[in-house]
mmCIF file of all heavy atoms, coordinates in Angstrom:
data_MODEL
# 
_entry.id   MODEL 
# 
loop_
_atom_site.group_PDB 
_atom_site.id 
_atom_site.type_symbol 
_atom_site.label_atom_id 
_atom_site.label_alt_id 
_atom_site.label_comp_id 
_atom_site.label_asym_id 
_atom_site.label_entity_id 
_atom_site.label_seq_id 
_atom_site.pdbx_PDB_ins_code 
_atom_site.Cartn_x 
_atom_site.Cartn_y 
_atom_site.Cartn_z 
_atom_site.occupancy 
_atom_site.B_iso_or_equiv 
_atom_site.pdbx_formal_charge 
_atom_site.auth_seq_id 
_atom_site.auth_comp_id 
_atom_site.auth_asym_id 
_atom_site.auth_atom_id 
_atom_site.pdbx_PDB_model_num 
ATOM 1   N N   . ALA A 1 1  ? -15.717 22.120 -2.453  1.00 0.00 ? 1  ALA A N   1 
ATOM 2   C CA  . ALA A 1 1  ? -14.264 22.106 -2.584  1.00 0.00 ? 1  ALA A CA  1 
ATOM 3   C C   . ALA A 1 1  ? -13.861 21.743 -4.000  1.00 0.00 ? 1  ALA A C   1 
ATOM 4   O O   . ALA A 1 1  ? -14.624 21.132 -4.750  1.00 0.00 ? 1  ALA A O   1 
ATOM 5   C CB  . ALA A 1 1  ? -13.650 21.130 -1.585  1.00 0.00 ? 1  ALA A CB  1 
ATOM 6   N N   . TRP A 1 2  ? -12.641 22.113 -4.345  1.00 0.00 ? 2  TRP A N   1 
ATOM 7   C CA  . TRP A 1 2  ? -12.053 21.716 -5.618  1.00 0.00 ? 2  TRP A CA  1 
ATOM 8   C C   . TRP A 1 2  ? -11.006 20.651 -5.342  1.00 0.00 ? 2  TRP A C   1 
ATOM 9   O O   . TRP A 1 2  ? -10.096 20.846 -4.552  1.00 0.00 ? 2  TRP A O   1 
ATOM 10  C CB  . TRP A 1 2  ? -11.415 22.914 -6.325  1.00 0.00 ? 2  TRP A CB  1 
ATOM 11  C CG  . TRP A 1 2  ? -10.806 22.535 -7.645  1.00 0.00 ? 2  TRP A CG  1 
ATOM 12  C CD1 . TRP A 1 2  ? -9.484  22.348 -7.911  1.00 0.00 ? 2  TRP A CD1 1 
ATOM 13  C CD2 . TRP A 1 2  ? -11.491 22.294 -8.878  1.00 0.00 ? 2  TRP A CD2 1 
ATOM 14  N NE1 . TRP A 1 2  ? -9.293  22.004 -9.229  1.00 0.00 ? 2  TRP A NE1 1 
ATOM 15  C CE2 . TRP A 1 2  ? -10.518 21.950 -9.860  1.00 0.00 ? 2  TRP A CE2 1 
ATOM 16  C CE3 . TRP A 1 2  ? -12.837 22.305 -9.245  1.00 0.00 ? 2  TRP A CE3 1 
ATOM 17  C CZ2 . TRP A 1 2  ? -10.856 21.646 -11.171 1.00 0.00 ? 2  TRP A CZ2 1 
ATOM 18  C CZ3 . TRP A 1 2  ? -13.169 21.986 -10.564 1.00 0.00 ? 2  TRP A CZ3 1 
ATOM 19  C CH2 . TRP A 1 2  ? -12.181 21.678 -11.500 1.00 0.00 ? 2  TRP A CH2 1 
ATOM 20  N N   . ASP A 1 3  ? -11.168 19.517 -5.977  1.00 0.00 ? 3  ASP A N   1 
ATOM 21  C CA  . ASP A 1 3  ? -10.225 18.413 -5.851  1.00 0.00 ? 3  ASP A CA  1 
ATOM 22  C C   . ASP A 1 3  ? -9.155  18.578 -6.932  1.00 0.00 ? 3  ASP A C   1 
ATOM 23  O O   . ASP A 1 3  ? -9.433  18.418 -8.117  1.00 0.00 ? 3  ASP A O   1 
ATOM 24  C CB  . ASP A 1 3  ? -10.966 17.084 -6.013  1.00 0.00 ? 3  ASP A CB  1 
ATOM 25  C CG  . ASP A 1 3  ? -10.070 15.871 -5.809  1.00 0.00 ? 3  ASP A CG  1 
ATOM 26  O OD1 . ASP A 1 3  ? -8.840  16.021 -5.774  1.00 0.00 ? 3  ASP A OD1 1 
ATOM 27  O OD2 . ASP A 1 3  ? -10.626 14.755 -5.701  1.00 0.00 ? 3  ASP A OD2 1 
ATOM 28  N N   . ASN A 1 4  ? -7.953  18.887 -6.508  1.00 0.00 ? 4  ASN A N   1 
ATOM 29  C CA  . ASN A 1 4  ? -6.875  19.140 -7.460  1.00 0.00 ? 4  ASN A CA  1 
ATOM 30  C C   . ASN A 1 4  ? -6.489  17.901 -8.257  1.00 0.00 ? 4  ASN A C   1 
ATOM 31  O O   . ASN A 1 4  ? -6.022  18.017 -9.393  1.00 0.00 ? 4  ASN A O   1 
ATOM 32  C CB  . ASN A 1 4  ? -5.646  19.693 -6.727  1.00 0.00 ? 4  ASN A CB  1 
ATOM 33  C CG  . ASN A 1 4  ? -5.876  21.086 -6.169  1.00 0.00 ? 4  ASN A CG  1 
ATOM 34  O OD1 . ASN A 1 4  ? -6.530  21.920 -6.797  1.00 0.00 ? 4  ASN A OD1 1 
ATOM 35  N ND2 . ASN A 1 4  ? -5.361  21.349 -4.967  1.00 0.00 ? 4  ASN A ND2 1 
ATOM 36  N N   . LEU A 1 5  ? -6.671  16.710 -7.681  1.00 0.00 ? 5  LEU A N   1 
ATOM 37  C CA  . LEU A 1 5  ? -6.304  15.491 -8.392  1.00 0.00 ? 5  LEU A CA  1 
ATOM 38  C C   . LEU A 1 5  ? -7.392  15.061 -9.365  1.00 0.00 ? 5  LEU A C   1 
ATOM 39  O O   . LEU A 1 5  ? -7.099  14.678 -10.500 1.00 0.00 ? 5  LEU A O   1 
ATOM 40  C CB  . LEU A 1 5  ? -6.001  14.368 -7.403  1.00 0.00 ? 5  LEU A CB  1 
ATOM 41  C CG  . LEU A 1 5  ? -4.737  14.531 -6.550  1.00 0.00 ? 5  LEU A CG  1 
ATOM 42  C CD1 . LEU A 1 5  ? -4.533  13.314 -5.667  1.00 0.00 ? 5  LEU A CD1 1 
ATOM 43  C CD2 . LEU A 1 5  ? -3.510  14.761 -7.432  1.00 0.00 ? 5  LEU A CD2 1 
ATOM 44  N N   . ARG A 1 6  ? -8.638  15.093 -8.926  1.00 0.00 ? 6  ARG A N   1 
ATOM 45  C CA  . ARG A 1 6  ? -9.735  14.698 -9.801  1.00 0.00 ? 6  ARG A CA  1 
ATOM 46  C C   . ARG A 1 6  ? -10.122 15.823 -10.746 1.00 0.00 ? 6  ARG A C   1 
ATOM 47  O O   . ARG A 1 6  ? -10.850 15.597 -11.713 1.00 0.00 ? 6  ARG A O   1 
ATOM 48  C CB  . ARG A 1 6  ? -10.956 14.272 -8.978  1.00 0.00 ? 6  ARG A CB  1 
ATOM 49  C CG  . ARG A 1 6  ? -10.764 13.015 -8.153  1.00 0.00 ? 6  ARG A CG  1 
ATOM 50  C CD  . ARG A 1 6  ? -12.094 12.555 -7.559  1.00 0.00 ? 6  ARG A CD  1 
ATOM 51  N NE  . ARG A 1 6  ? -11.944 11.341 -6.745  1.00 0.00 ? 6  ARG A NE  1 
ATOM 52  C CZ  . ARG A 1 6  ? -11.785 11.343 -5.439  1.00 0.00 ? 6  ARG A CZ  1 
ATOM 53  N NH1 . ARG A 1 6  ? -11.730 12.492 -4.772  1.00 0.00 ? 6  ARG A NH1 1 
ATOM 54  N NH2 . ARG A 1 6  ? -11.636 10.204 -4.773  1.00 0.00 ? 6  ARG A NH2 1 
ATOM 55  N N   . ALA A 1 7  ? -9.688  17.037 -10.466 1.00 0.00 ? 7  ALA A N   1 
ATOM 56  C CA  . ALA A 1 7  ? -10.028 18.213 -11.273 1.00 0.00 ? 7  ALA A CA  1 
ATOM 57  C C   . ALA A 1 7  ? -11.542 18.383 -11.382 1.00 0.00 ? 7  ALA A C   1 
ATOM 58  O O   . ALA A 1 7  ? -12.106 18.576 -12.465 1.00 0.00 ? 7  ALA A O   1 
ATOM 59  C CB  . ALA A 1 7  ? -9.390  18.142 -12.655 1.00 0.00 ? 7  ALA A CB  1 
ATOM 60  N N   . THR A 1 8  ? -12.188 18.320 -10.245 1.00 0.00 ? 8  THR A N   1 
ATOM 61  C CA  . THR A 1 8  ? -13.639 18.459 -10.208 1.00 0.00 ? 8  THR A CA  1 
ATOM 62  C C   . THR A 1 8  ? -14.063 18.964 -8.839  1.00 0.00 ? 8  THR A C   1 
ATOM 63  O O   . THR A 1 8  ? -13.299 18.931 -7.875  1.00 0.00 ? 8  THR A O   1 
ATOM 64  C CB  . THR A 1 8  ? -14.338 17.129 -10.515 1.00 0.00 ? 8  THR A CB  1 
ATOM 65  O OG1 . THR A 1 8  ? -15.742 17.356 -10.665 1.00 0.00 ? 8  THR A OG1 1 
ATOM 66  C CG2 . THR A 1 8  ? -14.112 16.121 -9.389  1.00 0.00 ? 8  THR A CG2 1 
ATOM 67  N N   . ARG A 1 9  ? -15.311 19.428 -8.764  1.00 0.00 ? 9  ARG A N   1 
ATOM 68  C CA  . ARG A 1 9  ? -15.855 19.865 -7.492  1.00 0.00 ? 9  ARG A CA  1 
ATOM 69  C C   . ARG A 1 9  ? -16.278 18.674 -6.647  1.00 0.00 ? 9  ARG A C   1 
ATOM 70  O O   . ARG A 1 9  ? -16.783 17.679 -7.178  1.00 0.00 ? 9  ARG A O   1 
ATOM 71  C CB  . ARG A 1 9  ? -17.056 20.796 -7.711  1.00 0.00 ? 9  ARG A CB  1 
ATOM 72  C CG  . ARG A 1 9  ? -16.709 22.161 -8.244  1.00 0.00 ? 9  ARG A CG  1 
ATOM 73  C CD  . ARG A 1 9  ? -17.953 23.006 -8.446  1.00 0.00 ? 9  ARG A CD  1 
ATOM 74  N NE  . ARG A 1 9  ? -18.824 22.434 -9.471  1.00 0.00 ? 9  ARG A NE  1 
ATOM 75  C CZ  . ARG A 1 9  ? -20.014 22.945 -9.781  1.00 0.00 ? 9  ARG A CZ  1 
ATOM 76  N NH1 . ARG A 1 9  ? -20.473 24.011 -9.137  1.00 0.00 ? 9  ARG A NH1 1 
ATOM 77  N NH2 . ARG A 1 9  ? -20.744 22.383 -10.736 1.00 0.00 ? 9  ARG A NH2 1 
ATOM 78  N N   . MET A 1 10 ? -16.088 18.790 -5.352  1.00 0.00 ? 10 MET A N   1 
ATOM 79  C CA  . MET A 1 10 ? -16.504 17.778 -4.404  1.00 0.00 ? 10 MET A CA  1 
ATOM 80  C C   . MET A 1 10 ? -17.184 18.455 -3.226  1.00 0.00 ? 10 MET A C   1 
ATOM 81  O O   . MET A 1 10 ? -17.082 19.674 -3.040  1.00 0.00 ? 10 MET A O   1 
ATOM 82  C CB  . MET A 1 10 ? -15.297 16.967 -3.887  1.00 0.00 ? 10 MET A CB  1 
ATOM 83  C CG  . MET A 1 10 ? -14.416 16.370 -4.977  1.00 0.00 ? 10 MET A CG  1 
ATOM 84  S SD  . MET A 1 10 ? -15.258 15.116 -5.988  1.00 0.00 ? 10 MET A SD  1 
ATOM 85  C CE  . MET A 1 10 ? -15.402 13.762 -4.798  1.00 0.00 ? 10 MET A CE  1 
ATOM 86  N N   . ALA A 1 11 ? -17.897 17.685 -2.445  1.00 0.00 ? 11 ALA A N   1 
ATOM 87  C CA  . ALA A 1 11 ? -18.451 18.162 -1.186  1.00 0.00 ? 11 ALA A CA  1 
ATOM 88  C C   . ALA A 1 11 ? -17.576 17.635 -0.050  1.00 0.00 ? 11 ALA A C   1 
ATOM 89  O O   . ALA A 1 11 ? -17.273 16.442 0.004   1.00 0.00 ? 11 ALA A O   1 
ATOM 90  C CB  . ALA A 1 11 ? -19.887 17.693 -1.008  1.00 0.00 ? 11 ALA A CB  1 
ATOM 91  N N   . ILE A 1 12 ? -17.152 18.512 0.828   1.00 0.00 ? 12 ILE A N   1 
ATOM 92  C CA  . ILE A 1 12 ? -16.315 18.150 1.974   1.00 0.00 ? 12 ILE A CA  1 
ATOM 93  C C   . ILE A 1 12 ? -17.109 18.413 3.238   1.00 0.00 ? 12 ILE A C   1 
ATOM 94  O O   . ILE A 1 12 ? -17.586 19.518 3.472   1.00 0.00 ? 12 ILE A O   1 
ATOM 95  C CB  . ILE A 1 12 ? -15.008 18.960 2.013   1.00 0.00 ? 12 ILE A CB  1 
ATOM 96  C CG1 . ILE A 1 12 ? -14.213 18.768 0.731   1.00 0.00 ? 12 ILE A CG1 1 
ATOM 97  C CG2 . ILE A 1 12 ? -14.175 18.548 3.239   1.00 0.00 ? 12 ILE A CG2 1 
ATOM 98  C CD1 . ILE A 1 12 ? -13.633 17.409 0.532   1.00 0.00 ? 12 ILE A CD1 1 
ATOM 99  N N   . LYS A 1 13 ? -17.235 17.388 4.056   1.00 0.00 ? 13 LYS A N   1 
ATOM 100 C CA  . LYS A 1 13 ? -17.940 17.505 5.324   1.00 0.00 ? 13 LYS A CA  1 
ATOM 101 C C   . LYS A 1 13 ? -16.918 17.414 6.445   1.00 0.00 ? 13 LYS A C   1 
ATOM 102 O O   . LYS A 1 13 ? -16.264 16.384 6.630   1.00 0.00 ? 13 LYS A O   1 
ATOM 103 C CB  . LYS A 1 13 ? -18.990 16.398 5.453   1.00 0.00 ? 13 LYS A CB  1 
ATOM 104 C CG  . LYS A 1 13 ? -19.974 16.611 6.568   1.00 0.00 ? 13 LYS A CG  1 
ATOM 105 C CD  . LYS A 1 13 ? -21.165 15.692 6.397   1.00 0.00 ? 13 LYS A CD  1 
ATOM 106 C CE  . LYS A 1 13 ? -22.265 16.030 7.345   1.00 0.00 ? 13 LYS A CE  1 
ATOM 107 N NZ  . LYS A 1 13 ? -23.469 15.215 7.121   1.00 0.00 ? 13 LYS A NZ  1 
ATOM 108 N N   . VAL A 1 14 ? -16.759 18.507 7.195   1.00 0.00 ? 14 VAL A N   1 
ATOM 109 C CA  . VAL A 1 14 ? -15.784 18.599 8.268   1.00 0.00 ? 14 VAL A CA  1 
ATOM 110 C C   . VAL A 1 14 ? -16.489 18.395 9.601   1.00 0.00 ? 14 VAL A C   1 
ATOM 111 O O   . VAL A 1 14 ? -17.422 19.131 9.945   1.00 0.00 ? 14 VAL A O   1 
ATOM 112 C CB  . VAL A 1 14 ? -15.070 19.958 8.245   1.00 0.00 ? 14 VAL A CB  1 
ATOM 113 C CG1 . VAL A 1 14 ? -14.028 20.022 9.360   1.00 0.00 ? 14 VAL A CG1 1 
ATOM 114 C CG2 . VAL A 1 14 ? -14.400 20.197 6.896   1.00 0.00 ? 14 VAL A CG2 1 
ATOM 115 N N   . LEU A 1 15 ? -16.073 17.386 10.350  1.00 0.00 ? 15 LEU A N   1 
ATOM 116 C CA  . LEU A 1 15 ? -16.721 17.056 11.601  1.00 0.00 ? 15 LEU A CA  1 
ATOM 117 C C   . LEU A 1 15 ? -16.511 18.145 12.631  1.00 0.00 ? 15 LEU A C   1 
ATOM 118 O O   . LEU A 1 15 ? -15.477 18.824 12.659  1.00 0.00 ? 15 LEU A O   1 
ATOM 119 C CB  . LEU A 1 15 ? -16.196 15.736 12.137  1.00 0.00 ? 15 LEU A CB  1 
ATOM 120 C CG  . LEU A 1 15 ? -16.479 14.491 11.309  1.00 0.00 ? 15 LEU A CG  1 
ATOM 121 C CD1 . LEU A 1 15 ? -15.984 13.259 12.017  1.00 0.00 ? 15 LEU A CD1 1 
ATOM 122 C CD2 . LEU A 1 15 ? -17.955 14.360 10.974  1.00 0.00 ? 15 LEU A CD2 1 
ATOM 123 N N   . ARG A 1 16 ? -17.499 18.288 13.491  1.00 0.00 ? 16 ARG A N   1 
ATOM 124 C CA  . ARG A 1 16 ? -17.410 19.218 14.591  1.00 0.00 ? 16 ARG A CA  1 
ATOM 125 C C   . ARG A 1 16 ? -16.200 18.905 15.443  1.00 0.00 ? 16 ARG A C   1 
ATOM 126 O O   . ARG A 1 16 ? -15.833 17.745 15.627  1.00 0.00 ? 16 ARG A O   1 
ATOM 127 C CB  . ARG A 1 16 ? -18.668 19.123 15.461  1.00 0.00 ? 16 ARG A CB  1 
ATOM 128 C CG  . ARG A 1 16 ? -19.597 20.236 15.393  1.00 0.00 ? 16 ARG A CG  1 
ATOM 129 C CD  . ARG A 1 16 ? -20.845 20.055 16.158  1.00 0.00 ? 16 ARG A CD  1 
ATOM 130 N NE  . ARG A 1 16 ? -20.708 19.243 17.368  1.00 0.00 ? 16 ARG A NE  1 
ATOM 131 C CZ  . ARG A 1 16 ? -21.747 18.597 17.913  1.00 0.00 ? 16 ARG A CZ  1 
ATOM 132 N NH1 . ARG A 1 16 ? -22.937 18.652 17.352  1.00 0.00 ? 16 ARG A NH1 1 
ATOM 133 N NH2 . ARG A 1 16 ? -21.562 17.883 19.017  1.00 0.00 ? 16 ARG A NH2 1 
ATOM 134 N N   . ARG A 1 17 ? -15.563 19.948 15.962  1.00 0.00 ? 17 ARG A N   1 
ATOM 135 C CA  . ARG A 1 17 ? -14.320 19.758 16.684  1.00 0.00 ? 17 ARG A CA  1 
ATOM 136 C C   . ARG A 1 17 ? -14.486 18.837 17.886  1.00 0.00 ? 17 ARG A C   1 
ATOM 137 O O   . ARG A 1 17 ? -13.626 17.989 18.151  1.00 0.00 ? 17 ARG A O   1 
ATOM 138 C CB  . ARG A 1 17 ? -13.765 21.116 17.137  1.00 0.00 ? 17 ARG A CB  1 
ATOM 139 C CG  . ARG A 1 17 ? -12.361 21.030 17.707  1.00 0.00 ? 17 ARG A CG  1 
ATOM 140 C CD  . ARG A 1 17 ? -11.824 22.416 18.017  1.00 0.00 ? 17 ARG A CD  1 
ATOM 141 N NE  . ARG A 1 17 ? -11.713 23.232 16.822  1.00 0.00 ? 17 ARG A NE  1 
ATOM 142 C CZ  . ARG A 1 17 ? -10.647 23.212 16.030  1.00 0.00 ? 17 ARG A CZ  1 
ATOM 143 N NH1 . ARG A 1 17 ? -9.631  22.407 16.275  1.00 0.00 ? 17 ARG A NH1 1 
ATOM 144 N NH2 . ARG A 1 17 ? -10.616 23.995 14.964  1.00 0.00 ? 17 ARG A NH2 1 
ATOM 145 N N   . ASP A 1 18 ? -15.588 18.956 18.643  1.00 0.00 ? 18 ASP A N   1 
ATOM 146 C CA  . ASP A 1 18 ? -15.750 18.111 19.821  1.00 0.00 ? 18 ASP A CA  1 
ATOM 147 C C   . ASP A 1 18 ? -15.892 16.641 19.440  1.00 0.00 ? 18 ASP A C   1 
ATOM 148 O O   . ASP A 1 18 ? -15.386 15.755 20.132  1.00 0.00 ? 18 ASP A O   1 
ATOM 149 C CB  . ASP A 1 18 ? -16.932 18.574 20.669  1.00 0.00 ? 18 ASP A CB  1 
ATOM 150 C CG  . ASP A 1 18 ? -18.241 18.588 19.890  1.00 0.00 ? 18 ASP A CG  1 
ATOM 151 O OD1 . ASP A 1 18 ? -18.208 18.725 18.653  1.00 0.00 ? 18 ASP A OD1 1 
ATOM 152 O OD2 . ASP A 1 18 ? -19.309 18.460 20.516  1.00 0.00 ? 18 ASP A OD2 1 
ATOM 153 N N   . LEU A 1 19 ? -16.570 16.344 18.299  1.00 0.00 ? 19 LEU A N   1 
ATOM 154 C CA  . LEU A 1 19 ? -16.678 14.969 17.836  1.00 0.00 ? 19 LEU A CA  1 
ATOM 155 C C   . LEU A 1 19 ? -15.348 14.466 17.295  1.00 0.00 ? 19 LEU A C   1 
ATOM 156 O O   . LEU A 1 19 ? -14.975 13.317 17.499  1.00 0.00 ? 19 LEU A O   1 
ATOM 157 C CB  . LEU A 1 19 ? -17.759 14.857 16.769  1.00 0.00 ? 19 LEU A CB  1 
ATOM 158 C CG  . LEU A 1 19 ? -19.196 15.169 17.191  1.00 0.00 ? 19 LEU A CG  1 
ATOM 159 C CD1 . LEU A 1 19 ? -20.131 15.010 16.007  1.00 0.00 ? 19 LEU A CD1 1 
ATOM 160 C CD2 . LEU A 1 19 ? -19.630 14.272 18.334  1.00 0.00 ? 19 LEU A CD2 1 
ATOM 161 N N   . ALA A 1 20 ? -14.635 15.344 16.592  1.00 0.00 ? 20 ALA A N   1 
ATOM 162 C CA  . ALA A 1 20 ? -13.364 14.950 16.011  1.00 0.00 ? 20 ALA A CA  1 
ATOM 163 C C   . ALA A 1 20 ? -12.329 14.604 17.064  1.00 0.00 ? 20 ALA A C   1 
ATOM 164 O O   . ALA A 1 20 ? -11.410 13.824 16.812  1.00 0.00 ? 20 ALA A O   1 
ATOM 165 C CB  . ALA A 1 20 ? -12.841 16.072 15.110  1.00 0.00 ? 20 ALA A CB  1 
ATOM 166 N N   . GLN A 1 21 ? -12.461 15.168 18.267  1.00 0.00 ? 21 GLN A N   1 
ATOM 167 C CA  . GLN A 1 21 ? -11.508 14.908 19.328  1.00 0.00 ? 21 GLN A CA  1 
ATOM 168 C C   . GLN A 1 21 ? -11.842 13.667 20.129  1.00 0.00 ? 21 GLN A C   1 
ATOM 169 O O   . GLN A 1 21 ? -11.097 13.284 21.028  1.00 0.00 ? 21 GLN A O   1 
ATOM 170 C CB  . GLN A 1 21 ? -11.425 16.127 20.249  1.00 0.00 ? 21 GLN A CB  1 
ATOM 171 C CG  . GLN A 1 21 ? -10.801 17.351 19.573  1.00 0.00 ? 21 GLN A CG  1 
ATOM 172 C CD  . GLN A 1 21 ? -10.787 18.570 20.449  1.00 0.00 ? 21 GLN A CD  1 
ATOM 173 O OE1 . GLN A 1 21 ? -11.455 18.614 21.487  1.00 0.00 ? 21 GLN A OE1 1 
ATOM 174 N NE2 . GLN A 1 21 ? -10.025 19.590 20.047  1.00 0.00 ? 21 GLN A NE2 1 
ATOM 175 N N   . SER A 1 22 ? -12.958 13.035 19.824  1.00 0.00 ? 22 SER A N   1 
ATOM 176 C CA  . SER A 1 22 ? -13.355 11.808 20.506  1.00 0.00 ? 22 SER A CA  1 
ATOM 177 C C   . SER A 1 22 ? -12.763 10.604 19.780  1.00 0.00 ? 22 SER A C   1 
ATOM 178 O O   . SER A 1 22 ? -13.091 10.335 18.635  1.00 0.00 ? 22 SER A O   1 
ATOM 179 C CB  . SER A 1 22 ? -14.880 11.688 20.558  1.00 0.00 ? 22 SER A CB  1 
ATOM 180 O OG  . SER A 1 22 ? -15.278 10.386 20.930  1.00 0.00 ? 22 SER A OG  1 
ATOM 181 N N   . ALA A 1 23 ? -11.867 9.862  20.452  1.00 0.00 ? 23 ALA A N   1 
ATOM 182 C CA  . ALA A 1 23 ? -11.250 8.694  19.835  1.00 0.00 ? 23 ALA A CA  1 
ATOM 183 C C   . ALA A 1 23 ? -12.291 7.648  19.472  1.00 0.00 ? 23 ALA A C   1 
ATOM 184 O O   . ALA A 1 23 ? -12.213 7.010  18.420  1.00 0.00 ? 23 ALA A O   1 
ATOM 185 C CB  . ALA A 1 23 ? -10.198 8.103  20.775  1.00 0.00 ? 23 ALA A CB  1 
ATOM 186 N N   . GLN A 1 24 ? -13.275 7.459  20.343  1.00 0.00 ? 24 GLN A N   1 
ATOM 187 C CA  . GLN A 1 24 ? -14.307 6.473  20.089  1.00 0.00 ? 24 GLN A CA  1 
ATOM 188 C C   . GLN A 1 24 ? -15.120 6.844  18.855  1.00 0.00 ? 24 GLN A C   1 
ATOM 189 O O   . GLN A 1 24 ? -15.369 5.999  17.975  1.00 0.00 ? 24 GLN A O   1 
ATOM 190 C CB  . GLN A 1 24 ? -15.225 6.337  21.305  1.00 0.00 ? 24 GLN A CB  1 
ATOM 191 C CG  . GLN A 1 24 ? -16.342 5.317  21.110  1.00 0.00 ? 24 GLN A CG  1 
ATOM 192 C CD  . GLN A 1 24 ? -17.279 5.250  22.307  1.00 0.00 ? 24 GLN A CD  1 
ATOM 193 O OE1 . GLN A 1 24 ? -17.234 6.110  23.183  1.00 0.00 ? 24 GLN A OE1 1 
ATOM 194 N NE2 . GLN A 1 24 ? -18.142 4.259  22.330  1.00 0.00 ? 24 GLN A NE2 1 
# 
């Protein structure tokens, strides 16, 4: 990803939808 504020490349890790929907 490109971070518009830091003006640099970053790595973005997006959690799986089933895990993201778990409140715990």
